[in-house]
Amino acid sequence: MTAACLSAGYRAYVGCRTTAERNARGQGIAMFQVSPQGVWSERHTTAAGANPSFLCLHPGGRMLYAVHGDGDAVSAFAVEAASGRLRPQGTHPVDGRNPVHLCLSPDIRWLLVACYATGSVSSLAVREDGRLGPIASRLALPGEPGPVAAQQQGSHPHQVVFDPTGRWLLVPDKGTDRLHTLTLDGATGALAWVSCAALPPGSGPRHLAFTRDGRRLYLACELGSAVAACDFDARTGAPTSVASWSTLAEAVPGNTAAGIVLSDDERTLYVSNRGHDSIATFRVDPVSGRLAPSGWLASGGSTPRFIAGDPMGGVLVANEDSDALCRVAGTATPSPLARTGSPVCVVFTKDLS
């Protein structure tokens, strides 16, 4: 987000869990106005169906898309320029269960969705006005279950993200300890499997972050409480696992890694720990890409499911079980930003009014 946007303030949309099955307290998608000084003020919450959890914005910020976690659909919303309010533009089936992540193709013609429970990825058409069309393709991911029986019954894709060239679609698979590479046909929306990289058994790869040059990526491995480094060949789309590091100084029973963020200068990597309720920090060697643990920051709440780079600097943390949004930076005490029920994702857009 540019300095000009920051000088005028910006908006934050927070996806929340809402169902009793998730012991959730969320009411929908919450919108906050953020002042140029970084003060958050809640403006309104849109009732958006069950578990409007992971979100993504259309470029320009005039459309927003949400998965319905534990369900079988995604929804589109038009963003009112003056108020930031969301107007529903339809809910669409994804031919899969428990969609957990989504992203737009680089040409903005397709919406890609990771369906955790069915081990599949779907593509939906995006119309010129930003509304969604029908499903174009559904791809079941290959692979054998990992050794953690309770969490790895089969393929469980947890993220869909394009590499910086826009040619390859990467899918971390928590259930099979694999990182898949797919292609998307820009004309038809057809998905095809290309290759995969094996991660340590039982590691449970969840989310990744690319370097800007696309030559390297880092994976938060949920079940192993670890972060893995992979080299990436943009010619073939093949990732190669290089090394991994624990996100904990010592074992913490029940801990799971979740979010991952690479700083803008690519010198620091952040990974959130649910259970330890911390943000692990790593120094990144600019030549080799290897990591060196540099400390742990308090998350400012309980169960930091999601982290992102904060436009004001530092890292924004969504603490799901304490209903708290916080900012962490350096070694300072976490700064409380706002409260909303069961937050699990935050996206930012400039003020369009």
Protein backbone atom coordinates (compact mmCIF):
# COMPACT_ATOMS: atom_id res chain seq x y z
CA MET A 1 0.00 0.00 0.00
CA THR A 2 1.47 3.36 -1.06
CA ALA A 3 2.37 6.31 1.14
CA ALA A 4 -0.41 8.29 -0.54
CA CYS A 5 -2.95 5.67 0.54
CA LEU A 6 -1.63 5.72 4.09
CA SER A 7 -1.88 9.51 4.26
CA ALA A 8 -5.60 9.24 3.52
CA GLY A 9 -6.21 6.22 5.75
CA TYR A 10 -7.45 2.85 4.57
CA ARG A 11 -9.99 0.13 5.26
CA ALA A 12 -9.60 -3.31 6.79
CA TYR A 13 -12.03 -6.16 6.22
CA VAL A 14 -11.94 -8.98 8.76
CA GLY A 15 -13.22 -12.47 7.96
CA CYS A 16 -14.64 -14.25 11.02
CA ARG A 17 -15.91 -17.64 12.02
CA THR A 18 -19.56 -17.58 13.02
CA THR A 19 -20.87 -21.07 13.82
CA ALA A 20 -21.56 -22.84 17.10
CA GLU A 21 -19.65 -25.89 15.81
CA ARG A 22 -16.53 -23.70 15.81
CA ASN A 23 -17.42 -22.15 19.19
CA ALA A 24 -17.34 -18.89 17.26
CA ARG A 25 -18.43 -15.40 18.23
CA GLY A 26 -18.16 -13.69 14.85
CA GLN A 27 -21.15 -12.01 13.20
CA GLY A 28 -19.89 -11.85 9.61
CA ILE A 29 -17.33 -9.71 7.80
CA ALA A 30 -16.31 -6.72 9.93
CA MET A 31 -15.11 -3.49 8.32
CA PHE A 32 -12.80 -1.04 10.09
CA GLN A 33 -11.69 2.42 9.06
CA VAL A 34 -8.00 2.93 9.83
CA SER A 35 -6.79 6.50 10.27
CA PRO A 36 -3.45 7.82 8.93
CA GLN A 37 -2.21 7.46 12.52
CA GLY A 38 -3.14 3.77 12.57
CA VAL A 39 -6.24 4.03 14.79
CA TRP A 40 -8.88 1.39 14.00
CA SER A 41 -12.60 2.27 14.18
CA GLU A 42 -15.28 -0.32 13.47
CA ARG A 43 -17.81 0.91 10.92
CA HIS A 44 -20.11 -2.04 10.28
CA THR A 45 -20.40 -5.81 10.02
CA THR A 46 -22.00 -7.59 7.08
CA ALA A 47 -23.93 -10.78 7.82
CA ALA A 48 -22.36 -12.92 5.13
CA GLY A 49 -23.50 -16.49 5.72
CA ALA A 50 -21.72 -19.17 7.73
CA ASN A 51 -18.01 -18.75 8.44
CA PRO A 52 -17.01 -16.05 5.90
CA SER A 53 -13.43 -16.74 6.87
CA PHE A 54 -10.68 -16.33 4.29
CA LEU A 55 -11.04 -13.24 2.07
CA CYS A 56 -9.48 -11.74 -1.04
CA LEU A 57 -10.02 -8.42 -2.79
CA HIS A 58 -10.41 -7.67 -6.48
CA PRO A 59 -7.72 -5.20 -7.66
CA GLY A 60 -9.04 -1.70 -7.08
CA GLY A 61 -10.92 -2.87 -4.02
CA ARG A 62 -14.44 -2.75 -5.48
CA MET A 63 -15.20 -6.47 -5.07
CA LEU A 64 -14.48 -8.84 -2.19
CA TYR A 65 -14.62 -12.64 -2.20
CA ALA A 66 -15.04 -14.95 0.81
CA VAL A 67 -14.97 -18.69 1.39
CA HIS A 68 -17.60 -20.27 3.63
CA GLY A 69 -15.44 -22.43 5.87
CA ASP A 70 -16.83 -25.91 6.67
CA GLY A 71 -19.34 -25.40 3.84
CA ASP A 72 -19.24 -25.84 0.07
CA ALA A 73 -19.41 -22.35 -1.42
CA VAL A 74 -17.82 -18.94 -1.91
CA SER A 75 -19.51 -15.54 -2.04
CA ALA A 76 -18.85 -12.29 -3.88
CA PHE A 77 -19.58 -8.80 -2.53
CA ALA A 78 -19.53 -5.39 -4.17
CA VAL A 79 -17.78 -2.74 -2.07
CA GLU A 80 -19.61 0.60 -1.87
CA ALA A 81 -17.02 3.30 -2.56
CA ALA A 82 -18.35 5.90 -0.14
CA SER A 83 -19.12 3.75 2.89
CA GLY A 84 -17.16 0.55 2.36
CA ARG A 85 -20.32 -1.47 2.95
CA LEU A 86 -20.61 -4.84 1.25
CA ARG A 87 -23.49 -5.71 -1.09
CA PRO A 88 -23.96 -9.45 -1.76
CA GLN A 89 -23.44 -10.46 -5.40
CA GLY A 90 -24.20 -14.14 -5.14
CA THR A 91 -23.04 -17.35 -3.47
CA HIS A 92 -21.57 -20.07 -5.68
CA PRO A 93 -20.87 -23.79 -5.07
CA VAL A 94 -17.26 -24.90 -5.41
CA ASP A 95 -17.81 -28.65 -5.95
CA GLY A 96 -15.83 -29.37 -2.80
CA ARG A 97 -16.11 -29.28 0.99
CA ASN A 98 -14.62 -26.87 3.50
CA PRO A 99 -13.09 -24.19 1.27
CA VAL A 100 -10.27 -22.66 3.31
CA HIS A 101 -8.37 -20.34 0.95
CA LEU A 102 -8.86 -18.52 -2.33
CA CYS A 103 -6.97 -16.27 -4.73
CA LEU A 104 -7.45 -14.55 -8.08
CA SER A 105 -5.47 -15.46 -11.18
CA PRO A 106 -3.02 -12.77 -12.34
CA ASP A 107 -5.30 -11.85 -15.27
CA ILE A 108 -8.31 -11.60 -12.87
CA ARG A 109 -10.31 -14.05 -15.02
CA TRP A 110 -10.45 -16.91 -12.51
CA LEU A 111 -10.97 -17.45 -8.79
CA LEU A 112 -9.06 -20.42 -7.36
CA VAL A 113 -10.31 -22.19 -4.23
CA ALA A 114 -8.63 -24.79 -1.97
CA CYS A 115 -11.17 -27.29 -0.59
CA TYR A 116 -9.68 -28.89 2.52
CA ALA A 117 -12.09 -31.74 3.22
CA THR A 118 -12.32 -33.08 -0.34
CA GLY A 119 -8.62 -32.69 -1.20
CA SER A 120 -9.40 -30.63 -4.27
CA VAL A 121 -8.89 -27.27 -5.97
CA SER A 122 -11.61 -25.55 -8.00
CA SER A 123 -11.59 -22.67 -10.47
CA LEU A 124 -14.54 -20.33 -11.02
CA ALA A 125 -14.95 -17.77 -13.78
CA VAL A 126 -14.73 -14.07 -12.85
CA ARG A 127 -16.89 -11.84 -15.04
CA GLU A 128 -15.85 -8.39 -16.24
CA ASP A 129 -17.91 -6.74 -13.50
CA GLY A 130 -16.19 -8.90 -10.86
CA ARG A 131 -19.14 -11.18 -10.19
CA LEU A 132 -18.55 -14.91 -10.25
CA GLY A 133 -19.55 -17.34 -12.96
CA PRO A 134 -19.77 -21.14 -12.95
CA ILE A 135 -17.13 -23.65 -11.96
CA ALA A 136 -14.69 -24.25 -14.80
CA SER A 137 -12.55 -27.02 -13.32
CA ARG A 138 -12.09 -29.23 -10.28
CA LEU A 139 -8.86 -31.12 -9.62
CA ALA A 140 -8.40 -33.81 -6.96
CA LEU A 141 -4.86 -33.80 -5.59
CA PRO A 142 -2.79 -37.01 -5.53
CA GLY A 143 -0.81 -38.41 -2.63
CA GLU A 144 -0.89 -40.79 0.31
CA PRO A 145 -1.94 -39.66 3.81
CA GLY A 146 0.77 -38.60 6.22
CA PRO A 147 1.47 -40.34 9.55
CA VAL A 148 -0.63 -38.08 11.82
CA ALA A 149 -3.84 -40.08 11.64
CA ALA A 150 -6.10 -37.50 13.30
CA GLN A 151 -5.06 -34.71 10.91
CA GLN A 152 -3.90 -36.50 7.77
CA GLN A 153 -6.73 -38.75 6.60
CA GLY A 154 -6.04 -37.76 2.99
CA SER A 155 -5.23 -34.73 0.89
CA HIS A 156 -5.97 -31.45 2.71
CA PRO A 157 -4.96 -28.45 0.58
CA HIS A 158 -4.72 -25.34 2.75
CA GLN A 159 -3.71 -22.54 0.35
CA VAL A 160 -3.62 -21.58 -3.32
CA VAL A 161 -1.02 -19.03 -4.43
CA PHE A 162 0.62 -18.12 -7.74
CA ASP A 163 4.37 -17.79 -8.03
CA PRO A 164 5.64 -14.29 -8.97
CA THR A 165 5.69 -15.16 -12.70
CA GLY A 166 1.98 -16.00 -12.57
CA ARG A 167 2.62 -19.23 -14.46
CA TRP A 168 2.45 -21.74 -11.62
CA LEU A 169 -0.17 -22.33 -8.91
CA LEU A 170 1.29 -23.66 -5.65
CA VAL A 171 -0.80 -25.68 -3.19
CA PRO A 172 0.51 -26.72 0.25
CA ASP A 173 -1.14 -30.01 1.23
CA LYS A 174 -1.34 -30.53 4.97
CA GLY A 175 -2.73 -34.06 4.59
CA THR A 176 -0.04 -35.60 2.39
CA ASP A 177 3.04 -33.54 3.37
CA ARG A 178 3.39 -32.32 -0.20
CA LEU A 179 3.71 -29.00 -1.99
CA HIS A 180 1.90 -29.33 -5.31
CA THR A 181 2.49 -27.35 -8.50
CA LEU A 182 -0.50 -26.87 -10.82
CA THR A 183 -1.15 -24.98 -14.03
CA LEU A 184 -4.24 -22.98 -14.93
CA ASP A 185 -5.36 -22.68 -18.55
CA GLY A 186 -6.08 -18.98 -18.92
CA ALA A 187 -8.59 -19.54 -21.72
CA THR A 188 -10.69 -22.32 -20.17
CA GLY A 189 -9.90 -22.29 -16.45
CA ALA A 190 -8.79 -25.93 -16.60
CA LEU A 191 -6.46 -27.04 -13.81
CA ALA A 192 -3.67 -29.59 -14.31
CA TRP A 193 -1.26 -31.22 -11.87
CA VAL A 194 2.44 -30.81 -12.75
CA SER A 195 4.62 -32.01 -9.87
CA CYS A 196 5.11 -31.94 -6.12
CA ALA A 197 7.83 -31.66 -3.51
CA ALA A 198 7.91 -33.92 -0.47
CA LEU A 199 8.14 -32.34 2.98
CA PRO A 200 9.12 -34.19 6.18
CA PRO A 201 6.51 -36.81 7.17
CA GLY A 202 3.97 -35.39 9.60
CA SER A 203 5.02 -31.80 9.00
CA GLY A 204 1.66 -30.69 7.58
CA PRO A 205 2.55 -27.82 5.18
CA ARG A 206 -0.07 -25.09 5.52
CA HIS A 207 0.82 -21.66 4.07
CA LEU A 208 3.77 -20.30 2.08
CA ALA A 209 5.47 -17.01 1.29
CA PHE A 210 7.52 -16.36 -1.87
CA THR A 211 10.52 -14.10 -2.25
CA ARG A 212 9.94 -11.33 -4.80
CA ASP A 213 12.31 -12.88 -7.33
CA GLY A 214 10.44 -16.18 -7.09
CA ARG A 215 13.58 -18.23 -6.59
CA ARG A 216 12.74 -19.27 -3.04
CA LEU A 217 9.72 -19.87 -0.84
CA TYR A 218 9.10 -20.58 2.82
CA LEU A 219 6.40 -22.90 4.19
CA ALA A 220 4.72 -22.79 7.58
CA CYS A 221 4.32 -26.46 8.54
CA GLU A 222 1.37 -26.71 10.90
CA LEU A 223 1.71 -30.15 12.44
CA GLY A 224 5.48 -30.06 12.84
CA SER A 225 5.60 -26.51 14.28
CA ALA A 226 8.27 -25.80 11.70
CA VAL A 227 9.16 -23.59 8.76
CA ALA A 228 10.66 -25.13 5.62
CA ALA A 229 12.73 -23.42 2.94
CA CYS A 230 12.38 -24.50 -0.68
CA ASP A 231 14.19 -23.49 -3.83
CA PHE A 232 11.85 -22.86 -6.76
CA ASP A 233 12.60 -23.33 -10.46
CA ALA A 234 10.34 -20.95 -12.39
CA ARG A 235 11.21 -22.73 -15.66
CA THR A 236 9.66 -26.03 -14.57
CA GLY A 237 7.51 -25.03 -11.60
CA ALA A 238 9.40 -27.51 -9.42
CA PRO A 239 9.99 -26.68 -5.73
CA THR A 240 12.84 -28.45 -3.92
CA SER A 241 12.84 -28.73 -0.14
CA VAL A 242 16.15 -27.51 1.29
CA ALA A 243 15.93 -27.33 5.09
CA SER A 244 13.55 -26.75 7.98
CA TRP A 245 13.64 -25.07 11.39
CA SER A 246 11.43 -25.31 14.46
CA THR A 247 9.14 -22.38 15.26
CA LEU A 248 9.61 -23.13 18.98
CA ALA A 249 12.56 -22.95 21.35
CA GLU A 250 11.32 -26.12 23.05
CA ALA A 251 8.38 -28.46 22.59
CA VAL A 252 4.94 -27.06 23.46
CA PRO A 253 2.24 -29.77 23.57
CA GLY A 254 -0.60 -29.04 21.18
CA ASN A 255 1.16 -26.19 19.38
CA THR A 256 0.52 -25.74 15.66
CA ALA A 257 2.10 -23.27 13.25
CA ALA A 258 -0.29 -21.16 11.19
CA GLY A 259 0.47 -17.90 9.38
CA ILE A 260 3.66 -16.82 7.62
CA VAL A 261 4.90 -13.41 6.47
CA LEU A 262 8.15 -12.30 4.81
CA SER A 263 9.05 -8.70 5.60
CA ASP A 264 9.15 -6.16 2.76
CA ASP A 265 12.95 -6.02 2.90
CA GLU A 266 13.04 -9.86 2.95
CA ARG A 267 15.37 -9.84 5.94
CA THR A 268 12.89 -11.22 8.48
CA LEU A 269 10.43 -14.10 8.35
CA TYR A 270 7.52 -14.36 10.78
CA VAL A 271 5.51 -17.50 11.64
CA SER A 272 2.63 -17.64 14.12
CA ASN A 273 2.34 -20.33 16.80
CA ARG A 274 -1.11 -21.37 18.05
CA GLY A 275 -0.73 -22.83 21.53
CA HIS A 276 2.49 -21.01 22.36
CA ASP A 277 0.60 -17.86 21.25
CA SER A 278 3.68 -16.27 19.78
CA ILE A 279 5.20 -15.00 16.56
CA ALA A 280 8.50 -16.73 15.79
CA THR A 281 11.01 -14.49 14.03
CA PHE A 282 13.87 -15.60 11.79
CA ARG A 283 16.73 -13.71 10.15
CA VAL A 284 16.99 -14.50 6.45
CA ASP A 285 20.44 -14.87 4.88
CA PRO A 286 20.24 -12.73 1.70
CA VAL A 287 22.53 -15.07 -0.25
CA SER A 288 21.64 -18.60 0.83
CA GLY A 289 18.11 -17.93 2.04
CA ARG A 290 18.78 -19.99 5.14
CA LEU A 291 17.07 -18.97 8.37
CA ALA A 292 18.42 -18.21 11.83
CA PRO A 293 15.93 -18.05 14.73
CA SER A 294 16.03 -14.58 16.26
CA GLY A 295 13.30 -14.66 18.90
CA TRP A 296 9.63 -14.87 19.74
CA LEU A 297 7.10 -12.07 20.08
CA ALA A 298 3.92 -12.35 22.12
CA SER A 299 0.92 -12.47 19.80
CA GLY A 300 -1.19 -10.25 22.04
CA GLY A 301 -3.92 -12.84 22.46
CA SER A 302 -4.92 -16.47 22.07
CA THR A 303 -4.59 -18.62 18.93
CA PRO A 304 -2.92 -16.36 16.33
CA ARG A 305 -4.43 -18.08 13.31
CA PHE A 306 -3.57 -15.35 10.79
CA ILE A 307 -0.77 -12.82 10.32
CA ALA A 308 -0.10 -10.26 7.60
CA GLY A 309 2.19 -7.34 6.94
CA ASP A 310 0.62 -4.25 8.52
CA PRO A 311 0.53 -1.16 6.26
CA MET A 312 1.64 0.90 9.27
CA GLY A 313 4.67 -1.35 9.79
CA GLY A 314 5.23 -4.54 11.73
CA VAL A 315 2.92 -7.53 11.60
CA LEU A 316 -0.84 -7.64 12.10
CA VAL A 317 -2.09 -10.62 14.13
CA ALA A 318 -5.63 -12.04 14.23
CA ASN A 319 -5.98 -13.89 17.55
CA GLU A 320 -8.99 -16.11 16.88
CA ASP A 321 -9.84 -17.33 20.37
CA SER A 322 -9.43 -13.99 22.18
CA ASP A 323 -11.25 -11.90 19.54
CA ALA A 324 -8.23 -9.59 19.33
CA LEU A 325 -6.47 -7.84 16.45
CA CYS A 326 -2.98 -6.67 17.39
CA ARG A 327 0.17 -5.25 15.85
CA VAL A 328 3.61 -6.58 16.78
CA ALA A 329 6.86 -4.88 15.84
CA GLY A 330 10.43 -5.35 17.01
CA THR A 331 10.56 -6.47 20.61
CA ALA A 332 7.84 -4.15 21.87
CA THR A 333 4.70 -5.23 23.68
CA PRO A 334 1.91 -6.04 21.18
CA SER A 335 -0.29 -3.04 20.36
CA PRO A 336 -4.05 -3.75 20.59
CA LEU A 337 -5.85 -2.49 17.48
CA ALA A 338 -9.45 -3.68 17.67
CA ARG A 339 -11.76 -6.44 18.83
CA THR A 340 -14.18 -8.55 16.79
CA GLY A 341 -15.51 -12.08 17.21
CA SER A 342 -13.33 -14.99 16.07
CA PRO A 343 -11.14 -13.14 13.51
CA VAL A 344 -9.30 -15.39 11.05
CA CYS A 345 -8.29 -13.19 8.07
CA VAL A 346 -7.68 -9.49 7.34
CA VAL A 347 -7.39 -7.74 3.97
CA PHE A 348 -6.66 -4.06 3.35
CA THR A 349 -7.82 -1.61 0.71
CA LYS A 350 -7.42 2.12 0.22
CA ASP A 351 -10.30 4.40 1.17
CA LEU A 352 -12.34 4.72 -2.05
CA SER A 353 -14.65 7.50 -0.84
